[in-house]
Amino acid sequence: MSPRPNFLFIVTDQQRADHLGCYGNPILKTPAIDRLAGEGRRFDRFYVAAPSCQPNRASLMTGRMPSLNGVRNNGLPLPMDATTFVDILRDAGYRTALLGKAHLQNMTGLPPRQVRSVEEDLLQPGDHYLEASIGGRRGPEYEIENELNWPAPAMERRTEPYYGFEHFEVATGHGDQVGGDYLFWARERRSDFDALRDPANALAAPGYSAPQARRTRIPEELYSSAYVTDRTVAFLRQHARREADRPFFIQMAFPDPHYPFTPPGRYWDFYDPADIALPESFESTPIPIVAGIKGAFRNGKAFREGHAAFAVAPREAQEIVALTYGMIAMIDDGVGRVMETLRELGLDSNTIVIFTSDHGDHMGDHGVMLKSLMHFQGLIRVPFVWRDPRGAAGESSDLGSTIDIAPTVLRRAGIQPNNGVQGRDLLDPAAAPDSLLIESDNPFEGAAGIPKTRTLVTENWRFTIHQDAEWGEMYDLDADPHETTNLWSDPTHGETRFRLTEALLRRMIDMQENAPLQTGLS
């Protein structure tokens, strides 16, 4: 029997599929990742289960949709009793490591956006019973990534495996504001590091005015992408020395190219904003949400320093895209360095390398940046590359989802997935679905509650229903790949709308719970 394969799982943060050379980008150069795609299989139609960080990362770990894994939106930790595919790999003898961003728990220490409604004339349940699950996911075991708890490294505060990772060095935050274990590493190398990362000390950047863009003083060798690369290389070398006979699963997780847009050193001006073409949909306003975001910008009422989607002027869009390209170029250099290490250590021939991102970014589509309830392709479609030394290379146009990663890795490792996994084996074309479900319960829209959005993606259509909205979205992706013409209310497409509504309902039923298995007959 052949030895079990190693896995190097590379995850970036907020990178859309077309922000790679191998996905057709005419400007961005990503030779290391492109080589992985050339040697492996590139999935052209790979989609998130949810287009925001925590929910999709939880879906990645569990192979389950956010409505089932318990992480419906940012600000909810993954339950500690959730079975992850990393748990299963570790149980089967794999050495498991997380190096970089996890975001399986809350990071900021900020209070919740949602506050429980209290009826003063009623006796209140005890704190332990306030939620549908006992304890409500509160306690020290849910504070591992909280930035307020970083006087000590994460592994000193939790001795048990972290969602299956027996070794974990966690980076919190983004851009030049990354914290967590990364800060220990950076401060060891520069005693004045905190002054370098202070936004008030940013370098002058003539010609740049885009929101959340600044030229950081952090040098390349101390930036968070260098940290993730360095720690991955160090872990590989240690593994080769001490446990070469044990297979590994390493998650190499970059906090970039997520905003703020702060590529360090030479990566700042790797790309000239003047060379960046505006998206074809830049002036398009197909739905009321886009109109509202653009209206706030025109009226001078837009807040553009937070997490919510915001509108931009043409030059601002070009600057942000160019800086994002610089951040990706640094990631690509790190990937190249790690691949060289694998080859040097003789691990390359038995290591499967996977590359993906947790979600995309509007990046100027429809004149908007960041992420939102708007499920445009730039936000929901992400890269997915599977490079297997013993597998076939090529391209796949089959629909794939983040929930498919867990069962695919487990099956390739020769392990049956656990009950409750909703994804399928990406390496089995016969298992490809005819549609995918995408869920959003998004707290960033300024609503009193958390609006819910559900999307169906098929070979030809993107169909979206927004909670409490009288309008919806329906785009013919063949005729309208940039999603500028919303056919929801078009009377000539009424039959298609009916058919897609039924298909969405059936897909949502398919994605309902089937775990745990029945324990007996009553």
Foldseek 3Di string as FASTA:
>chain_A
DDDFFFAEEEAEAAAFALLAVCLPNPPFYQVLVNVLQQQFAWENFEWAQALDFQQRLLLLFQLAHCVPQVPQEQQAARDPPGQGLLQVCVVVFAQEEEFEARSNAHAAPDDDLDDDDDDVVDDADDCQPNDPHGNRCDDQLRCLRHQVPAPDASCVSPCPADSNHNYYFYWDDAALPIDGSLVVVLCVVPVCSVVQSPQVNFDDDPPADAAQETATSDALCSTQLVRLLVVLLVVVVVCLVPPVVTHYYYYSYGRPPDTPLYQYDPLLVPDDLVPDDADPQLQFDADVLLVVQVVCVVVVNDDDHDQDKHFDDSSNLSNSSSSRSSVVNSNSVSSVVSCVSCVVSVSNLRYKYKYKYSWHWCSSRNRMTHDDLDPASRTTHMIITINHNPDDHDYHHFYHYSSQNSQQSQVSSVHHDDPFNLHHHPVDVVPGDQKHKHKHQDPRSPDSGGKIKIWIDGSFWIWIDTPPDPFTFIDGCVVCVSRRHGCGPPVVCPVVNVVVVVVRVVVVVSSDTDPDDDPDDD
